[in-house]
Amino acid sequence: MVVKYGEILEVNEDGSVVIVVPMGKDAYIIDRQQIEECEVRFKDGRKISPSQRKYIYSLLNAIAEYTGESTGVIKETMKEGFAKQMGISPDFSLSNVDMTLANNFLDFLTEMVLENDIPTKYPISEMSGDIGRYVYGCCVRNRCCIYNKPGRLVNLSRPEQPIEVGDYILPLSKEAETELNRVGIQNFRQTHHIQPVKADSYLVSKLKLQKTA
């Protein structure tokens, strides 16, 4: 497979995009290998934001304190693990990496923190790059998505009814559930910047297994 980088010249009203890829001396490959199609990956032109960088280092510091390693060692270890998972080079810099990669790295770190019950300075829900993915992960682990404590799945679609596929749910501790009942779902979501997820067959079957165990 040949990897080449191009430039977007125009985005048309019909949704088509004009891209120019300088092939240079490798242009013969198109005829030789009878290439008729190509895969296009769009690189995020936005750079990592100050808040993303702050949360990444906050999570790195939390993991370092938990493990007893230095933040520098943890940073390189986490970058290597993340790069292996993503199939990329671990040589990316947190000073100028693009916003999408920064979000993915944040998700990688938050999952590490969740799996090991590592205390954090900021709420994980505030730091996560993909809030839906984070909430779903909390559902799988029975962790409160607000306070990172043991919790239960709360049925928002049909309160106090057994959870079924398609119901909107949140994994909440007793403290968070009490707050939810006091202020209502809209105020609760706005305060904590959280969003419910739909229960799927995996979560429903997992919940049934827990009740019969």
N, C-alpha and C. Protein backbone atom coordinates (compact mmCIF):
# COMPACT_ATOMS: atom_id res chain seq x y z
N MET A 1 0.85 -1.20 0.00
CA MET A 1 0.00 0.00 0.00
C MET A 1 0.88 1.24 0.00
N VAL A 2 0.55 2.19 -0.85
CA VAL A 2 1.28 3.45 -0.94
C VAL A 2 0.49 4.54 -0.23
N VAL A 3 1.15 5.28 0.64
CA VAL A 3 0.49 6.36 1.36
C VAL A 3 1.00 7.69 0.82
N LYS A 4 0.09 8.54 0.37
CA LYS A 4 0.43 9.85 -0.14
C LYS A 4 -0.44 10.90 0.53
N TYR A 5 0.07 12.11 0.61
CA TYR A 5 -0.68 13.21 1.22
C TYR A 5 -1.05 14.22 0.15
N GLY A 6 -2.28 14.71 0.22
CA GLY A 6 -2.76 15.65 -0.78
C GLY A 6 -3.29 16.92 -0.16
N GLU A 7 -3.91 17.73 -1.00
CA GLU A 7 -4.43 19.02 -0.57
C GLU A 7 -5.86 19.18 -1.08
N ILE A 8 -6.76 19.61 -0.21
CA ILE A 8 -8.14 19.85 -0.61
C ILE A 8 -8.22 21.20 -1.29
N LEU A 9 -8.66 21.20 -2.55
CA LEU A 9 -8.71 22.45 -3.31
C LEU A 9 -10.10 23.07 -3.31
N GLU A 10 -11.13 22.21 -3.25
CA GLU A 10 -12.48 22.76 -3.40
C GLU A 10 -13.51 21.80 -2.82
N VAL A 11 -14.53 22.37 -2.18
CA VAL A 11 -15.68 21.61 -1.72
C VAL A 11 -16.89 22.12 -2.47
N ASN A 12 -17.49 21.27 -3.29
CA ASN A 12 -18.59 21.69 -4.14
C ASN A 12 -19.94 21.62 -3.43
N GLU A 13 -20.92 22.30 -4.00
CA GLU A 13 -22.25 22.35 -3.40
C GLU A 13 -22.92 20.97 -3.37
N ASP A 14 -22.55 20.10 -4.30
CA ASP A 14 -23.17 18.77 -4.33
C ASP A 14 -22.52 17.81 -3.35
N GLY A 15 -21.55 18.31 -2.57
CA GLY A 15 -20.90 17.48 -1.56
C GLY A 15 -19.62 16.82 -2.03
N SER A 16 -19.28 16.93 -3.30
CA SER A 16 -18.04 16.36 -3.81
C SER A 16 -16.86 17.25 -3.43
N VAL A 17 -15.70 16.64 -3.34
CA VAL A 17 -14.49 17.35 -2.92
C VAL A 17 -13.39 17.13 -3.96
N VAL A 18 -12.72 18.21 -4.31
CA VAL A 18 -11.61 18.13 -5.25
C VAL A 18 -10.31 18.07 -4.46
N ILE A 19 -9.59 16.96 -4.62
CA ILE A 19 -8.34 16.74 -3.90
C ILE A 19 -7.22 16.48 -4.89
N VAL A 20 -6.10 17.15 -4.70
CA VAL A 20 -4.93 16.94 -5.56
C VAL A 20 -3.86 16.22 -4.75
N VAL A 21 -3.39 15.09 -5.29
CA VAL A 21 -2.34 14.31 -4.62
C VAL A 21 -1.12 14.26 -5.53
N PRO A 22 -0.04 14.95 -5.18
CA PRO A 22 1.18 14.90 -5.98
C PRO A 22 1.82 13.51 -5.88
N MET A 23 1.81 12.76 -6.98
CA MET A 23 2.37 11.41 -6.97
C MET A 23 3.85 11.39 -7.36
N GLY A 24 4.27 12.40 -8.13
CA GLY A 24 5.67 12.44 -8.53
C GLY A 24 6.09 11.20 -9.28
N LYS A 25 7.25 10.68 -8.94
CA LYS A 25 7.79 9.50 -9.64
C LYS A 25 7.01 8.22 -9.36
N ASP A 26 6.10 8.26 -8.36
CA ASP A 26 5.32 7.06 -8.02
C ASP A 26 4.02 6.96 -8.83
N ALA A 27 3.81 7.89 -9.77
CA ALA A 27 2.55 7.90 -10.54
C ALA A 27 2.36 6.61 -11.33
N TYR A 28 3.47 5.95 -11.71
CA TYR A 28 3.37 4.73 -12.52
C TYR A 28 2.64 3.61 -11.77
N ILE A 29 2.64 3.68 -10.43
CA ILE A 29 2.03 2.62 -9.62
C ILE A 29 0.55 2.48 -9.94
N ILE A 30 -0.11 3.61 -10.27
CA ILE A 30 -1.55 3.58 -10.54
C ILE A 30 -1.85 2.67 -11.73
N ASP A 31 -1.05 2.78 -12.81
CA ASP A 31 -1.25 1.92 -13.97
C ASP A 31 -0.76 0.51 -13.71
N ARG A 32 0.39 0.40 -13.08
CA ARG A 32 0.99 -0.92 -12.86
C ARG A 32 0.12 -1.80 -11.99
N GLN A 33 -0.47 -1.23 -10.93
CA GLN A 33 -1.29 -2.01 -10.01
C GLN A 33 -2.79 -1.91 -10.33
N GLN A 34 -3.11 -1.26 -11.44
CA GLN A 34 -4.50 -1.12 -11.89
C GLN A 34 -5.39 -0.54 -10.78
N ILE A 35 -4.92 0.51 -10.18
CA ILE A 35 -5.64 1.15 -9.08
C ILE A 35 -6.77 2.01 -9.62
N GLU A 36 -7.98 1.76 -9.20
CA GLU A 36 -9.15 2.52 -9.63
C GLU A 36 -9.81 3.26 -8.47
N GLU A 37 -9.53 2.86 -7.24
CA GLU A 37 -10.13 3.49 -6.08
C GLU A 37 -9.05 3.80 -5.05
N CYS A 38 -9.35 4.74 -4.17
CA CYS A 38 -8.40 5.07 -3.11
C CYS A 38 -9.18 5.39 -1.83
N GLU A 39 -8.51 5.27 -0.73
CA GLU A 39 -9.10 5.60 0.57
C GLU A 39 -8.63 6.98 0.99
N VAL A 40 -9.55 7.80 1.45
CA VAL A 40 -9.22 9.17 1.85
C VAL A 40 -9.47 9.33 3.35
N ARG A 41 -8.48 9.79 4.07
CA ARG A 41 -8.64 10.08 5.49
C ARG A 41 -8.43 11.58 5.70
N PHE A 42 -9.38 12.20 6.37
CA PHE A 42 -9.29 13.65 6.56
C PHE A 42 -8.62 13.95 7.90
N LYS A 43 -7.57 14.72 7.84
CA LYS A 43 -6.81 15.08 9.03
C LYS A 43 -7.40 16.33 9.67
N ASP A 44 -7.63 16.26 10.96
CA ASP A 44 -8.19 17.38 11.71
C ASP A 44 -7.19 18.54 11.67
N GLY A 45 -7.65 19.69 11.16
CA GLY A 45 -6.76 20.86 11.08
C GLY A 45 -6.70 21.67 12.36
N ARG A 46 -7.53 21.31 13.34
CA ARG A 46 -7.54 22.03 14.61
C ARG A 46 -6.47 21.46 15.54
N LYS A 47 -5.85 22.33 16.29
CA LYS A 47 -4.82 21.90 17.24
C LYS A 47 -5.43 21.66 18.62
N ILE A 48 -4.73 20.88 19.42
CA ILE A 48 -5.17 20.57 20.78
C ILE A 48 -5.49 21.86 21.53
N SER A 49 -6.60 21.85 22.27
CA SER A 49 -7.01 23.04 23.02
C SER A 49 -6.34 23.07 24.39
N PRO A 50 -6.25 24.24 25.01
CA PRO A 50 -5.67 24.33 26.36
C PRO A 50 -6.39 23.43 27.37
N SER A 51 -7.72 23.33 27.27
CA SER A 51 -8.47 22.49 28.22
C SER A 51 -8.16 21.01 28.00
N GLN A 52 -8.02 20.59 26.74
CA GLN A 52 -7.66 19.20 26.47
C GLN A 52 -6.29 18.88 27.07
N ARG A 53 -5.35 19.79 26.86
CA ARG A 53 -4.00 19.57 27.39
C ARG A 53 -4.01 19.53 28.91
N LYS A 54 -4.80 20.41 29.53
CA LYS A 54 -4.90 20.44 31.00
C LYS A 54 -5.44 19.12 31.53
N TYR A 55 -6.49 18.60 30.90
CA TYR A 55 -7.11 17.37 31.38
C TYR A 55 -6.21 16.16 31.13
N ILE A 56 -5.50 16.16 30.01
CA ILE A 56 -4.58 15.05 29.74
C ILE A 56 -3.51 14.98 30.81
N TYR A 57 -2.90 16.12 31.13
CA TYR A 57 -1.84 16.11 32.15
C TYR A 57 -2.41 15.84 33.54
N SER A 58 -3.66 16.25 33.77
CA SER A 58 -4.29 15.94 35.06
C SER A 58 -4.45 14.43 35.22
N LEU A 59 -4.87 13.75 34.15
CA LEU A 59 -5.02 12.30 34.19
C LEU A 59 -3.66 11.60 34.29
N LEU A 60 -2.68 12.12 33.57
CA LEU A 60 -1.33 11.54 33.66
C LEU A 60 -0.79 11.67 35.08
N ASN A 61 -1.01 12.83 35.70
CA ASN A 61 -0.56 13.04 37.08
C ASN A 61 -1.27 12.10 38.04
N ALA A 62 -2.58 11.89 37.81
CA ALA A 62 -3.35 10.99 38.68
C ALA A 62 -2.84 9.56 38.58
N ILE A 63 -2.55 9.12 37.36
CA ILE A 63 -2.03 7.76 37.16
C ILE A 63 -0.64 7.63 37.77
N ALA A 64 0.18 8.68 37.62
CA ALA A 64 1.53 8.67 38.18
C ALA A 64 1.49 8.58 39.70
N GLU A 65 0.61 9.35 40.31
CA GLU A 65 0.50 9.33 41.77
C GLU A 65 0.01 7.96 42.25
N TYR A 66 -0.90 7.37 41.50
CA TYR A 66 -1.47 6.07 41.87
C TYR A 66 -0.42 4.95 41.77
N THR A 67 0.43 5.03 40.73
CA THR A 67 1.40 3.96 40.48
C THR A 67 2.74 4.20 41.16
N GLY A 68 3.00 5.46 41.55
CA GLY A 68 4.29 5.77 42.15
C GLY A 68 5.38 6.10 41.15
N GLU A 69 5.03 6.12 39.87
CA GLU A 69 5.98 6.48 38.82
C GLU A 69 5.96 7.99 38.60
N SER A 70 6.95 8.50 37.90
CA SER A 70 6.97 9.91 37.57
C SER A 70 6.00 10.18 36.44
N THR A 71 5.54 11.42 36.35
CA THR A 71 4.61 11.78 35.28
C THR A 71 5.25 11.58 33.91
N GLY A 72 6.56 11.86 33.81
CA GLY A 72 7.26 11.69 32.54
C GLY A 72 7.25 10.25 32.07
N VAL A 73 7.50 9.32 32.98
CA VAL A 73 7.49 7.90 32.62
C VAL A 73 6.09 7.45 32.23
N ILE A 74 5.08 7.87 33.00
CA ILE A 74 3.70 7.50 32.71
C ILE A 74 3.27 8.07 31.36
N LYS A 75 3.67 9.29 31.09
CA LYS A 75 3.32 9.93 29.82
C LYS A 75 3.80 9.09 28.64
N GLU A 76 5.06 8.68 28.67
CA GLU A 76 5.61 7.89 27.56
C GLU A 76 4.97 6.50 27.50
N THR A 77 4.71 5.90 28.66
CA THR A 77 4.08 4.58 28.70
C THR A 77 2.67 4.64 28.12
N MET A 78 1.91 5.66 28.52
CA MET A 78 0.54 5.80 28.02
C MET A 78 0.53 6.10 26.52
N LYS A 79 1.45 6.92 26.07
CA LYS A 79 1.52 7.24 24.64
C LYS A 79 1.83 5.99 23.83
N GLU A 80 2.73 5.16 24.33
CA GLU A 80 3.08 3.93 23.62
C GLU A 80 1.90 2.96 23.56
N GLY A 81 1.18 2.82 24.70
CA GLY A 81 0.01 1.94 24.73
C GLY A 81 -1.09 2.44 23.81
N PHE A 82 -1.31 3.74 23.82
CA PHE A 82 -2.33 4.36 22.97
C PHE A 82 -1.96 4.21 21.50
N ALA A 83 -0.69 4.48 21.17
CA ALA A 83 -0.24 4.39 19.78
C ALA A 83 -0.38 2.96 19.25
N LYS A 84 -0.08 1.99 20.09
CA LYS A 84 -0.21 0.58 19.68
C LYS A 84 -1.67 0.25 19.40
N GLN A 85 -2.57 0.74 20.26
CA GLN A 85 -4.00 0.50 20.08
C GLN A 85 -4.52 1.15 18.80
N MET A 86 -4.03 2.35 18.50
CA MET A 86 -4.50 3.11 17.34
C MET A 86 -3.76 2.77 16.05
N GLY A 87 -2.63 2.09 16.18
CA GLY A 87 -1.83 1.77 15.00
C GLY A 87 -1.11 2.97 14.44
N ILE A 88 -0.62 3.85 15.34
CA ILE A 88 0.10 5.05 14.91
C ILE A 88 1.45 5.12 15.62
N SER A 89 2.24 6.13 15.27
CA SER A 89 3.52 6.34 15.93
C SER A 89 3.32 7.00 17.29
N PRO A 90 4.10 6.59 18.31
CA PRO A 90 3.98 7.21 19.64
C PRO A 90 4.71 8.55 19.75
N ASP A 91 5.21 9.04 18.63
CA ASP A 91 6.03 10.26 18.65
C ASP A 91 5.20 11.54 18.56
N PHE A 92 3.88 11.45 18.73
CA PHE A 92 3.07 12.67 18.67
C PHE A 92 3.36 13.55 19.89
N SER A 93 3.22 14.86 19.71
CA SER A 93 3.52 15.82 20.77
C SER A 93 2.23 16.41 21.33
N LEU A 94 2.15 16.51 22.64
CA LEU A 94 0.98 17.09 23.28
C LEU A 94 0.97 18.62 23.18
N SER A 95 1.96 19.18 22.54
CA SER A 95 2.00 20.63 22.36
C SER A 95 1.27 21.05 21.10
N ASN A 96 1.23 20.15 20.08
CA ASN A 96 0.61 20.55 18.81
C ASN A 96 -0.16 19.44 18.12
N VAL A 97 -0.49 18.37 18.84
CA VAL A 97 -1.27 17.29 18.24
C VAL A 97 -2.65 17.83 17.85
N ASP A 98 -3.30 17.18 16.88
CA ASP A 98 -4.61 17.69 16.47
C ASP A 98 -5.68 17.34 17.50
N MET A 99 -6.81 18.04 17.41
CA MET A 99 -7.86 17.95 18.42
C MET A 99 -8.50 16.56 18.49
N THR A 100 -8.66 15.92 17.33
CA THR A 100 -9.27 14.59 17.31
C THR A 100 -8.40 13.57 18.03
N LEU A 101 -7.09 13.60 17.75
CA LEU A 101 -6.18 12.67 18.41
C LEU A 101 -6.12 12.94 19.91
N ALA A 102 -6.19 14.23 20.28
CA ALA A 102 -6.19 14.59 21.70
C ALA A 102 -7.43 14.02 22.39
N ASN A 103 -8.59 14.09 21.73
CA ASN A 103 -9.82 13.52 22.28
C ASN A 103 -9.70 12.01 22.45
N ASN A 104 -9.12 11.35 21.45
CA ASN A 104 -8.95 9.90 21.53
C ASN A 104 -7.99 9.52 22.66
N PHE A 105 -6.95 10.31 22.85
CA PHE A 105 -6.00 10.05 23.93
C PHE A 105 -6.66 10.26 25.29
N LEU A 106 -7.50 11.28 25.38
CA LEU A 106 -8.27 11.52 26.61
C LEU A 106 -9.15 10.31 26.94
N ASP A 107 -9.82 9.77 25.93
CA ASP A 107 -10.68 8.61 26.15
C ASP A 107 -9.85 7.40 26.61
N PHE A 108 -8.69 7.24 26.03
CA PHE A 108 -7.79 6.14 26.42
C PHE A 108 -7.40 6.27 27.89
N LEU A 109 -7.07 7.48 28.31
CA LEU A 109 -6.65 7.73 29.70
C LEU A 109 -7.82 7.58 30.67
N THR A 110 -9.01 8.07 30.28
CA THR A 110 -10.16 7.95 31.19
C THR A 110 -10.55 6.49 31.39
N GLU A 111 -10.43 5.67 30.34
CA GLU A 111 -10.72 4.25 30.49
C GLU A 111 -9.71 3.59 31.43
N MET A 112 -8.47 4.00 31.34
CA MET A 112 -7.44 3.48 32.24
C MET A 112 -7.76 3.83 33.69
N VAL A 113 -8.19 5.06 33.91
CA VAL A 113 -8.54 5.52 35.26
C VAL A 113 -9.76 4.78 35.78
N LEU A 114 -10.77 4.61 34.93
CA LEU A 114 -11.99 3.90 35.33
C LEU A 114 -11.71 2.45 35.70
N GLU A 115 -10.93 1.78 34.87
CA GLU A 115 -10.65 0.36 35.09
C GLU A 115 -9.89 0.11 36.38
N ASN A 116 -9.12 1.09 36.82
CA ASN A 116 -8.28 0.90 38.01
C ASN A 116 -8.74 1.71 39.21
N ASP A 117 -9.93 2.33 39.11
CA ASP A 117 -10.49 3.11 40.22
C ASP A 117 -9.49 4.16 40.75
N ILE A 118 -8.87 4.87 39.82
CA ILE A 118 -7.88 5.87 40.19
C ILE A 118 -8.57 7.21 40.48
N PRO A 119 -8.36 7.80 41.63
CA PRO A 119 -8.99 9.10 41.94
C PRO A 119 -8.42 10.20 41.06
N THR A 120 -9.27 11.15 40.69
CA THR A 120 -8.86 12.24 39.80
C THR A 120 -9.19 13.60 40.40
N LYS A 121 -8.48 14.61 39.96
CA LYS A 121 -8.68 15.97 40.45
C LYS A 121 -10.00 16.55 39.96
N TYR A 122 -10.31 16.30 38.68
CA TYR A 122 -11.54 16.80 38.07
C TYR A 122 -12.49 15.63 37.81
N PRO A 123 -13.81 15.89 37.74
CA PRO A 123 -14.75 14.82 37.38
C PRO A 123 -14.39 14.24 36.02
N ILE A 124 -14.41 12.93 35.90
CA ILE A 124 -14.04 12.30 34.64
C ILE A 124 -15.00 12.71 33.53
N SER A 125 -16.27 12.92 33.89
CA SER A 125 -17.25 13.34 32.88
C SER A 125 -16.86 14.67 32.25
N GLU A 126 -16.16 15.49 33.01
CA GLU A 126 -15.72 16.80 32.51
C GLU A 126 -14.52 16.66 31.58
N MET A 127 -13.73 15.62 31.78
CA MET A 127 -12.48 15.46 31.04
C MET A 127 -12.60 14.60 29.80
N SER A 128 -13.63 13.77 29.72
CA SER A 128 -13.74 12.81 28.63
C SER A 128 -13.88 13.49 27.28
N GLY A 129 -13.21 12.95 26.27
CA GLY A 129 -13.31 13.49 24.92
C GLY A 129 -14.59 13.06 24.22
N ASP A 130 -15.13 11.90 24.59
CA ASP A 130 -16.36 11.37 24.01
C ASP A 130 -17.29 11.00 25.15
N ILE A 131 -18.22 11.88 25.49
CA ILE A 131 -19.03 11.70 26.69
C ILE A 131 -19.93 10.47 26.58
N GLY A 132 -20.45 10.18 25.38
CA GLY A 132 -21.29 9.01 25.21
C GLY A 132 -20.53 7.72 25.47
N ARG A 133 -19.31 7.66 24.95
CA ARG A 133 -18.46 6.49 25.17
C ARG A 133 -18.11 6.34 26.64
N TYR A 134 -17.86 7.46 27.30
CA TYR A 134 -17.54 7.44 28.73
C TYR A 134 -18.71 6.91 29.55
N VAL A 135 -19.91 7.43 29.29
CA VAL A 135 -21.10 7.00 30.05
C VAL A 135 -21.36 5.52 29.83
N TYR A 136 -21.21 5.06 28.58
CA TYR A 136 -21.42 3.64 28.30
C TYR A 136 -20.40 2.79 29.07
N GLY A 137 -19.15 3.25 29.11
CA GLY A 137 -18.13 2.52 29.86
C GLY A 137 -18.47 2.43 31.34
N CYS A 138 -19.05 3.50 31.88
CA CYS A 138 -19.48 3.49 33.28
C CYS A 138 -20.62 2.50 33.49
N CYS A 139 -21.51 2.40 32.50
CA CYS A 139 -22.62 1.44 32.59
C CYS A 139 -22.07 0.01 32.66
N VAL A 140 -21.08 -0.27 31.83
CA VAL A 140 -20.49 -1.61 31.80
C VAL A 140 -19.83 -1.95 33.13
N ARG A 141 -19.21 -0.94 33.76
CA ARG A 141 -18.45 -1.17 34.99
C ARG A 141 -19.26 -0.89 36.26
N ASN A 142 -20.52 -0.49 36.11
CA ASN A 142 -21.35 -0.13 37.27
C ASN A 142 -20.70 0.96 38.11
N ARG A 143 -20.18 1.99 37.42
CA ARG A 143 -19.55 3.12 38.09
C ARG A 143 -20.38 4.37 37.84
N CYS A 144 -20.53 5.19 38.86
CA CYS A 144 -21.26 6.44 38.71
C CYS A 144 -20.53 7.35 37.73
N CYS A 145 -21.23 7.83 36.73
CA CYS A 145 -20.59 8.67 35.71
C CYS A 145 -20.35 10.09 36.22
N ILE A 146 -20.85 10.43 37.41
CA ILE A 146 -20.63 11.76 37.97
C ILE A 146 -19.51 11.75 39.00
N TYR A 147 -19.57 10.81 39.94
CA TYR A 147 -18.63 10.81 41.06
C TYR A 147 -17.64 9.65 41.06
N ASN A 148 -17.65 8.83 40.01
CA ASN A 148 -16.72 7.71 39.90
C ASN A 148 -16.76 6.82 41.14
N LYS A 149 -17.97 6.54 41.61
CA LYS A 149 -18.18 5.64 42.74
C LYS A 149 -19.03 4.46 42.27
N PRO A 150 -19.11 3.39 43.06
CA PRO A 150 -20.02 2.30 42.69
C PRO A 150 -21.44 2.83 42.49
N GLY A 151 -22.12 2.36 41.47
CA GLY A 151 -23.45 2.87 41.19
C GLY A 151 -24.35 1.81 40.58
N ARG A 152 -25.52 2.23 40.17
CA ARG A 152 -26.47 1.33 39.51
C ARG A 152 -27.03 2.03 38.28
N LEU A 153 -27.61 1.24 37.38
CA LEU A 153 -28.19 1.81 36.17
C LEU A 153 -29.59 2.33 36.47
N VAL A 154 -29.80 3.62 36.22
CA VAL A 154 -31.07 4.27 36.49
C VAL A 154 -31.84 4.42 35.19
N ASN A 155 -33.07 3.92 35.18
CA ASN A 155 -33.92 3.97 33.99
C ASN A 155 -34.61 5.33 33.92
N LEU A 156 -34.21 6.14 32.96
CA LEU A 156 -34.80 7.47 32.80
C LEU A 156 -36.06 7.43 31.94
N SER A 157 -36.16 6.45 31.07
CA SER A 157 -37.32 6.33 30.19
C SER A 157 -38.54 5.86 30.96
N ARG A 158 -38.33 4.89 31.83
CA ARG A 158 -39.43 4.31 32.61
C ARG A 158 -38.95 4.11 34.04
N PRO A 159 -38.96 5.19 34.84
CA PRO A 159 -38.41 5.15 36.20
C PRO A 159 -38.90 3.95 37.02
N GLU A 160 -37.93 3.29 37.67
CA GLU A 160 -38.17 2.16 38.56
C GLU A 160 -38.69 0.91 37.85
N GLN A 161 -38.71 0.91 36.52
CA GLN A 161 -39.12 -0.27 35.77
C GLN A 161 -37.88 -1.03 35.30
N PRO A 162 -37.99 -2.32 35.08
CA PRO A 162 -36.84 -3.08 34.56
C PRO A 162 -36.33 -2.47 33.25
N ILE A 163 -35.02 -2.41 33.12
CA ILE A 163 -34.41 -1.80 31.94
C ILE A 163 -34.53 -2.73 30.74
N GLU A 164 -35.01 -2.18 29.64
CA GLU A 164 -35.14 -2.92 28.39
C GLU A 164 -34.34 -2.22 27.30
N VAL A 165 -34.10 -2.94 26.23
CA VAL A 165 -33.36 -2.37 25.09
C VAL A 165 -34.09 -1.13 24.59
N GLY A 166 -33.34 -0.04 24.43
CA GLY A 166 -33.92 1.21 23.95
C GLY A 166 -34.21 2.22 25.03
N ASP A 167 -34.22 1.79 26.30
CA ASP A 167 -34.43 2.73 27.40
C ASP A 167 -33.22 3.62 27.58
N TYR A 168 -33.46 4.88 27.91
CA TYR A 168 -32.36 5.79 28.21
C TYR A 168 -31.95 5.60 29.67
N ILE A 169 -30.65 5.45 29.90
CA ILE A 169 -30.16 5.13 31.24
C ILE A 169 -28.94 5.98 31.60
N LEU A 170 -28.69 6.07 32.89
CA LEU A 170 -27.47 6.68 33.43
C LEU A 170 -26.98 5.82 34.58
N PRO A 171 -25.67 5.60 34.69
CA PRO A 171 -25.12 4.88 35.83
C PRO A 171 -24.82 5.89 36.95
N LEU A 172 -25.53 5.78 38.07
CA LEU A 172 -25.42 6.79 39.12
C LEU A 172 -25.24 6.16 40.50
N SER A 173 -24.47 6.85 41.34
CA SER A 173 -24.35 6.49 42.74
C SER A 173 -25.60 6.98 43.47
N LYS A 174 -25.77 6.58 44.74
CA LYS A 174 -26.92 7.05 45.51
C LYS A 174 -26.93 8.57 45.62
N GLU A 175 -25.74 9.15 45.80
CA GLU A 175 -25.63 10.60 45.91
C GLU A 175 -26.09 11.29 44.64
N ALA A 176 -25.64 10.79 43.49
CA ALA A 176 -26.01 11.40 42.21
C ALA A 176 -27.49 11.17 41.91
N GLU A 177 -28.00 10.00 42.25
CA GLU A 177 -29.41 9.71 41.98
C GLU A 177 -30.33 10.60 42.82
N THR A 178 -29.93 10.86 44.07
CA THR A 178 -30.70 11.76 44.93
C THR A 178 -30.74 13.16 44.33
N GLU A 179 -29.58 13.62 43.81
CA GLU A 179 -29.52 14.93 43.17
C GLU A 179 -30.40 14.98 41.93
N LEU A 180 -30.37 13.90 41.15
CA LEU A 180 -31.20 13.83 39.94
C LEU A 180 -32.68 13.96 40.29
N ASN A 181 -33.11 13.26 41.31
CA ASN A 181 -34.52 13.31 41.71
C ASN A 181 -34.92 14.69 42.23
N ARG A 182 -33.94 15.40 42.80
CA ARG A 182 -34.22 16.71 43.39
C ARG A 182 -34.32 17.80 42.33
N VAL A 183 -33.42 17.79 41.35
CA VAL A 183 -33.36 18.90 40.39
C VAL A 183 -33.99 18.58 39.05
N GLY A 184 -34.22 17.30 38.74
CA GLY A 184 -34.78 16.94 37.45
C GLY A 184 -33.69 16.67 36.41
N ILE A 185 -34.03 15.91 35.38
CA ILE A 185 -33.04 15.45 34.41
C ILE A 185 -32.42 16.59 33.62
N GLN A 186 -33.20 17.61 33.21
CA GLN A 186 -32.65 18.68 32.40
C GLN A 186 -31.60 19.48 33.17
N ASN A 187 -31.93 19.89 34.40
CA ASN A 187 -30.97 20.63 35.22
C ASN A 187 -29.76 19.77 35.55
N PHE A 188 -29.99 18.48 35.77
CA PHE A 188 -28.90 17.56 36.10
C PHE A 188 -27.93 17.46 34.94
N ARG A 189 -28.45 17.33 33.72
CA ARG A 189 -27.60 17.23 32.53
C ARG A 189 -26.82 18.52 32.30
N GLN A 190 -27.47 19.65 32.50
CA GLN A 190 -26.80 20.93 32.28
C GLN A 190 -25.70 21.17 33.31
N THR A 191 -25.96 20.77 34.53
CA THR A 191 -24.96 20.97 35.60
C THR A 191 -23.72 20.11 35.38
N HIS A 192 -23.93 18.86 35.01
CA HIS A 192 -22.82 17.91 34.92
C HIS A 192 -22.36 17.65 33.49
N HIS A 193 -22.98 18.29 32.51
CA HIS A 193 -22.60 18.13 31.10
C HIS A 193 -22.55 16.64 30.74
N ILE A 194 -23.62 15.95 31.08
CA ILE A 194 -23.70 14.51 30.87
C ILE A 194 -24.87 14.18 29.97
N GLN A 195 -24.82 13.06 29.28
CA GLN A 195 -25.93 12.66 28.44
C GLN A 195 -26.22 11.17 28.64
N PRO A 196 -27.50 10.82 28.76
CA PRO A 196 -27.87 9.41 28.92
C PRO A 196 -27.51 8.62 27.66
N VAL A 197 -27.41 7.32 27.80
CA VAL A 197 -27.19 6.43 26.66
C VAL A 197 -28.36 5.46 26.56
N LYS A 198 -28.55 4.90 25.37
CA LYS A 198 -29.60 3.90 25.18
C LYS A 198 -29.08 2.53 25.58
N ALA A 199 -29.88 1.82 26.36
CA ALA A 199 -29.51 0.46 26.73
C ALA A 199 -29.55 -0.44 25.50
N ASP A 200 -28.50 -1.22 25.30
CA ASP A 200 -28.49 -2.18 24.20
C ASP A 200 -28.62 -3.60 24.77
N SER A 201 -28.61 -4.57 23.90
CA SER A 201 -28.81 -5.96 24.34
C SER A 201 -27.70 -6.42 25.26
N TYR A 202 -26.48 -5.93 25.03
CA TYR A 202 -25.37 -6.34 25.89
C TYR A 202 -25.57 -5.86 27.33
N LEU A 203 -25.94 -4.58 27.51
CA LEU A 203 -26.14 -4.04 28.85
C LEU A 203 -27.32 -4.71 29.54
N VAL A 204 -28.39 -4.96 28.80
CA VAL A 204 -29.57 -5.59 29.39
C VAL A 204 -29.25 -7.02 29.85
N SER A 205 -28.56 -7.79 29.01
CA SER A 205 -28.20 -9.16 29.38
C SER A 205 -27.22 -9.17 30.54
N LYS A 206 -26.30 -8.21 30.57
CA LYS A 206 -25.34 -8.11 31.67
C LYS A 206 -26.07 -7.82 32.98
N LEU A 207 -27.07 -6.93 32.92
CA LEU A 207 -27.84 -6.58 34.10
C LEU A 207 -28.62 -7.79 34.62
N LYS A 208 -29.19 -8.58 33.71
CA LYS A 208 -29.95 -9.77 34.12
C LYS A 208 -29.04 -10.81 34.76
N LEU A 209 -27.82 -10.97 34.23
CA LEU A 209 -26.87 -11.92 34.80
C LEU A 209 -26.47 -11.51 36.21
N GLN A 210 -26.30 -10.20 36.43
CA GLN A 210 -25.94 -9.72 37.76
C GLN A 210 -27.04 -9.99 38.78
N LYS A 211 -28.29 -9.88 38.35
CA LYS A 211 -29.41 -10.09 39.27
C LYS A 211 -29.59 -11.56 39.62
N THR A 212 -29.17 -12.46 38.70
CA THR A 212 -29.34 -13.89 38.97
C THR A 212 -28.12 -14.51 39.63
N ALA A 213 -27.02 -13.72 39.70
CA ALA A 213 -25.78 -14.25 40.28
C ALA A 213 -25.90 -14.41 41.79
